[in-house]
Amino acid sequence: MPKLPRPFWQVLLIVLGDNQSEKLTCEECTAMMEYLADRAIEGASIDDLKSTANSLFRFCTECKNHYQRHIIELERKVLLRGTP
């Protein structure tokens, strides 16, 4: 029987906690990044979101390498949008 995916609230607790022994799957990292993107659309602080994303990446270096480019691009777009 295949392993059931963890509920999102458990993934969120892992990322926001300090348990370094837990590992996340790439699917869980993707779900977290989608959650952070939704929060950005809702107006959450970019600095807070970036901090949470960096916390997420200590669980999966492969995802860090993949998403780092996207985060830099998002920051650039947000900064450009904020300039008159």
N, C-alpha and C. Protein backbone atom coordinates (compact mmCIF):
# COMPACT_ATOMS: atom_id res chain seq x y z
N MET A 1 0.85 -1.18 0.00
CA MET A 1 0.00 0.00 0.00
C MET A 1 0.89 1.24 0.00
N PRO A 2 0.66 2.17 -0.93
CA PRO A 2 1.51 3.37 -1.00
C PRO A 2 1.32 4.25 0.23
N LYS A 3 2.39 4.95 0.56
CA LYS A 3 2.36 5.86 1.71
C LYS A 3 1.46 7.06 1.38
N LEU A 4 0.57 7.39 2.30
CA LEU A 4 -0.32 8.53 2.10
C LEU A 4 0.45 9.83 2.29
N PRO A 5 0.12 10.85 1.50
CA PRO A 5 0.81 12.14 1.69
C PRO A 5 0.44 12.75 3.05
N ARG A 6 1.39 13.49 3.59
CA ARG A 6 1.13 14.19 4.87
C ARG A 6 0.13 15.30 4.65
N PRO A 7 -0.73 15.54 5.62
CA PRO A 7 -1.61 16.71 5.52
C PRO A 7 -0.78 17.99 5.50
N PHE A 8 -1.29 19.00 4.81
CA PHE A 8 -0.53 20.24 4.64
C PHE A 8 -0.19 20.89 5.98
N TRP A 9 -1.09 20.81 6.96
CA TRP A 9 -0.81 21.43 8.26
C TRP A 9 0.42 20.81 8.90
N GLN A 10 0.66 19.51 8.68
CA GLN A 10 1.87 18.88 9.22
C GLN A 10 3.12 19.40 8.52
N VAL A 11 3.03 19.59 7.22
CA VAL A 11 4.16 20.15 6.46
C VAL A 11 4.46 21.55 6.97
N LEU A 12 3.43 22.35 7.17
CA LEU A 12 3.60 23.71 7.67
C LEU A 12 4.27 23.72 9.04
N LEU A 13 3.86 22.82 9.93
CA LEU A 13 4.48 22.72 11.25
C LEU A 13 5.96 22.33 11.16
N ILE A 14 6.28 21.45 10.23
CA ILE A 14 7.68 21.04 10.05
C ILE A 14 8.52 22.24 9.60
N VAL A 15 8.03 22.96 8.60
CA VAL A 15 8.78 24.09 8.05
C VAL A 15 8.95 25.20 9.08
N LEU A 16 7.91 25.48 9.83
CA LEU A 16 7.97 26.57 10.80
C LEU A 16 8.62 26.16 12.12
N GLY A 17 8.81 24.86 12.32
CA GLY A 17 9.44 24.38 13.54
C GLY A 17 10.94 24.32 13.41
N ASP A 18 11.57 23.67 14.37
CA ASP A 18 13.04 23.59 14.33
C ASP A 18 13.54 22.15 14.31
N ASN A 19 12.70 21.23 13.86
CA ASN A 19 13.08 19.83 13.78
C ASN A 19 13.88 19.59 12.50
N GLN A 20 15.17 19.49 12.63
CA GLN A 20 16.05 19.32 11.47
C GLN A 20 16.07 17.89 10.94
N SER A 21 15.52 16.93 11.69
CA SER A 21 15.59 15.54 11.27
C SER A 21 14.51 15.17 10.25
N GLU A 22 13.48 15.97 10.14
CA GLU A 22 12.40 15.69 9.18
C GLU A 22 12.87 16.01 7.77
N LYS A 23 12.36 15.28 6.82
CA LYS A 23 12.61 15.54 5.40
C LYS A 23 11.28 15.78 4.72
N LEU A 24 11.30 16.63 3.72
CA LEU A 24 10.11 16.88 2.93
C LEU A 24 10.30 16.30 1.54
N THR A 25 9.20 15.91 0.92
CA THR A 25 9.27 15.48 -0.47
C THR A 25 9.23 16.72 -1.36
N CYS A 26 9.59 16.56 -2.60
CA CYS A 26 9.52 17.68 -3.54
C CYS A 26 8.06 18.13 -3.72
N GLU A 27 7.12 17.19 -3.65
CA GLU A 27 5.71 17.55 -3.75
C GLU A 27 5.30 18.43 -2.58
N GLU A 28 5.81 18.14 -1.38
CA GLU A 28 5.50 18.96 -0.21
C GLU A 28 6.13 20.34 -0.33
N CYS A 29 7.34 20.41 -0.88
CA CYS A 29 7.98 21.71 -1.11
C CYS A 29 7.16 22.53 -2.11
N THR A 30 6.69 21.88 -3.15
CA THR A 30 5.88 22.57 -4.15
C THR A 30 4.59 23.10 -3.53
N ALA A 31 3.95 22.29 -2.69
CA ALA A 31 2.73 22.73 -2.01
C ALA A 31 3.02 23.95 -1.13
N MET A 32 4.15 23.95 -0.44
CA MET A 32 4.52 25.09 0.40
C MET A 32 4.76 26.33 -0.46
N MET A 33 5.44 26.18 -1.58
CA MET A 33 5.71 27.33 -2.45
C MET A 33 4.40 27.89 -3.01
N GLU A 34 3.44 27.02 -3.33
CA GLU A 34 2.14 27.49 -3.80
C GLU A 34 1.42 28.26 -2.70
N TYR A 35 1.53 27.77 -1.48
CA TYR A 35 0.94 28.45 -0.33
C TYR A 35 1.56 29.84 -0.16
N LEU A 36 2.89 29.91 -0.26
CA LEU A 36 3.58 31.20 -0.12
C LEU A 36 3.20 32.16 -1.25
N ALA A 37 3.03 31.62 -2.45
CA ALA A 37 2.60 32.46 -3.58
C ALA A 37 1.20 33.02 -3.32
N ASP A 38 0.31 32.19 -2.80
CA ASP A 38 -1.04 32.66 -2.45
C ASP A 38 -0.97 33.76 -1.40
N ARG A 39 -0.11 33.59 -0.41
CA ARG A 39 0.05 34.61 0.63
C ARG A 39 0.58 35.91 0.03
N ALA A 40 1.50 35.81 -0.94
CA ALA A 40 2.04 37.02 -1.59
C ALA A 40 0.92 37.76 -2.32
N ILE A 41 0.07 37.02 -3.00
CA ILE A 41 -1.06 37.64 -3.71
C ILE A 41 -1.99 38.34 -2.74
N GLU A 42 -2.13 37.77 -1.54
CA GLU A 42 -2.99 38.36 -0.52
C GLU A 42 -2.35 39.56 0.16
N GLY A 43 -1.07 39.84 -0.15
CA GLY A 43 -0.42 41.02 0.39
C GLY A 43 0.52 40.78 1.56
N ALA A 44 0.88 39.53 1.82
CA ALA A 44 1.81 39.25 2.91
C ALA A 44 3.17 39.88 2.62
N SER A 45 3.92 40.14 3.68
CA SER A 45 5.24 40.75 3.56
C SER A 45 6.20 39.84 2.80
N ILE A 46 6.84 40.39 1.78
CA ILE A 46 7.80 39.63 0.99
C ILE A 46 8.94 39.12 1.87
N ASP A 47 9.39 39.94 2.82
CA ASP A 47 10.47 39.51 3.71
C ASP A 47 10.06 38.30 4.55
N ASP A 48 8.82 38.31 5.05
CA ASP A 48 8.33 37.17 5.83
C ASP A 48 8.23 35.92 4.96
N LEU A 49 7.73 36.09 3.75
CA LEU A 49 7.60 34.95 2.84
C LEU A 49 8.96 34.39 2.46
N LYS A 50 9.91 35.28 2.23
CA LYS A 50 11.26 34.83 1.88
C LYS A 50 11.89 34.07 3.05
N SER A 51 11.66 34.55 4.25
CA SER A 51 12.17 33.87 5.44
C SER A 51 11.58 32.47 5.56
N THR A 52 10.28 32.35 5.32
CA THR A 52 9.63 31.04 5.37
C THR A 52 10.16 30.13 4.27
N ALA A 53 10.34 30.68 3.07
CA ALA A 53 10.88 29.88 1.96
C ALA A 53 12.28 29.38 2.30
N ASN A 54 13.11 30.23 2.88
CA ASN A 54 14.46 29.80 3.26
C ASN A 54 14.41 28.71 4.32
N SER A 55 13.44 28.79 5.24
CA SER A 55 13.26 27.73 6.23
C SER A 55 12.89 26.43 5.53
N LEU A 56 12.04 26.53 4.54
CA LEU A 56 11.61 25.37 3.77
C LEU A 56 12.79 24.68 3.10
N PHE A 57 13.70 25.47 2.55
CA PHE A 57 14.78 24.91 1.75
C PHE A 57 15.83 24.16 2.56
N ARG A 58 15.83 24.29 3.87
CA ARG A 58 16.80 23.49 4.63
C ARG A 58 16.39 22.02 4.63
N PHE A 59 15.18 21.72 4.16
CA PHE A 59 14.71 20.34 4.12
C PHE A 59 14.94 19.68 2.76
N CYS A 60 15.27 20.46 1.75
CA CYS A 60 15.45 19.88 0.41
C CYS A 60 16.30 20.80 -0.46
N THR A 61 17.56 20.42 -0.64
CA THR A 61 18.46 21.25 -1.46
C THR A 61 18.08 21.22 -2.93
N GLU A 62 17.55 20.12 -3.38
CA GLU A 62 17.15 20.04 -4.78
C GLU A 62 16.07 21.09 -5.09
N CYS A 63 15.11 21.20 -4.20
CA CYS A 63 14.05 22.22 -4.38
C CYS A 63 14.62 23.62 -4.22
N LYS A 64 15.57 23.78 -3.33
CA LYS A 64 16.19 25.10 -3.14
C LYS A 64 16.79 25.57 -4.46
N ASN A 65 17.54 24.70 -5.11
CA ASN A 65 18.17 25.06 -6.38
C ASN A 65 17.11 25.39 -7.44
N HIS A 66 16.02 24.65 -7.44
CA HIS A 66 14.97 24.86 -8.43
C HIS A 66 14.22 26.18 -8.19
N TYR A 67 13.84 26.43 -6.95
CA TYR A 67 12.99 27.58 -6.65
C TYR A 67 13.75 28.88 -6.44
N GLN A 68 15.03 28.82 -6.16
CA GLN A 68 15.80 30.04 -5.90
C GLN A 68 15.70 31.02 -7.06
N ARG A 69 15.79 30.51 -8.29
CA ARG A 69 15.66 31.37 -9.48
C ARG A 69 14.30 32.08 -9.50
N HIS A 70 13.26 31.34 -9.17
CA HIS A 70 11.92 31.91 -9.20
C HIS A 70 11.74 32.98 -8.13
N ILE A 71 12.31 32.75 -6.97
CA ILE A 71 12.20 33.74 -5.89
C ILE A 71 12.90 35.03 -6.29
N ILE A 72 14.06 34.92 -6.88
CA ILE A 72 14.80 36.11 -7.32
C ILE A 72 13.99 36.87 -8.38
N GLU A 73 13.38 36.15 -9.29
CA GLU A 73 12.56 36.78 -10.33
C GLU A 73 11.34 37.47 -9.72
N LEU A 74 10.69 36.82 -8.76
CA LEU A 74 9.54 37.43 -8.09
C LEU A 74 9.93 38.70 -7.35
N GLU A 75 11.06 38.65 -6.65
CA GLU A 75 11.54 39.84 -5.94
C GLU A 75 11.77 40.99 -6.91
N ARG A 76 12.38 40.69 -8.04
CA ARG A 76 12.66 41.71 -9.04
C ARG A 76 11.35 42.34 -9.54
N LYS A 77 10.35 41.51 -9.81
CA LYS A 77 9.07 42.03 -10.29
C LYS A 77 8.37 42.86 -9.23
N VAL A 78 8.44 42.43 -7.98
CA VAL A 78 7.81 43.20 -6.90
C VAL A 78 8.50 44.54 -6.74
N LEU A 79 9.83 44.55 -6.81
CA LEU A 79 10.57 45.81 -6.69
C LEU A 79 10.27 46.74 -7.85
N LEU A 80 10.18 46.20 -9.07
CA LEU A 80 9.87 47.02 -10.23
C LEU A 80 8.46 47.60 -10.14
N ARG A 81 7.55 46.82 -9.62
CA ARG A 81 6.16 47.28 -9.49
C ARG A 81 6.06 48.41 -8.47
N GLY A 82 6.94 48.38 -7.46
CA GLY A 82 6.90 49.40 -6.41
C GLY A 82 7.57 50.71 -6.77
N THR A 83 8.30 50.75 -7.89
CA THR A 83 8.97 52.00 -8.28
C THR A 83 8.05 52.83 -9.17
N PRO A 84 8.05 54.14 -8.98
CA PRO A 84 7.17 55.01 -9.79
C PRO A 84 7.64 55.13 -11.22
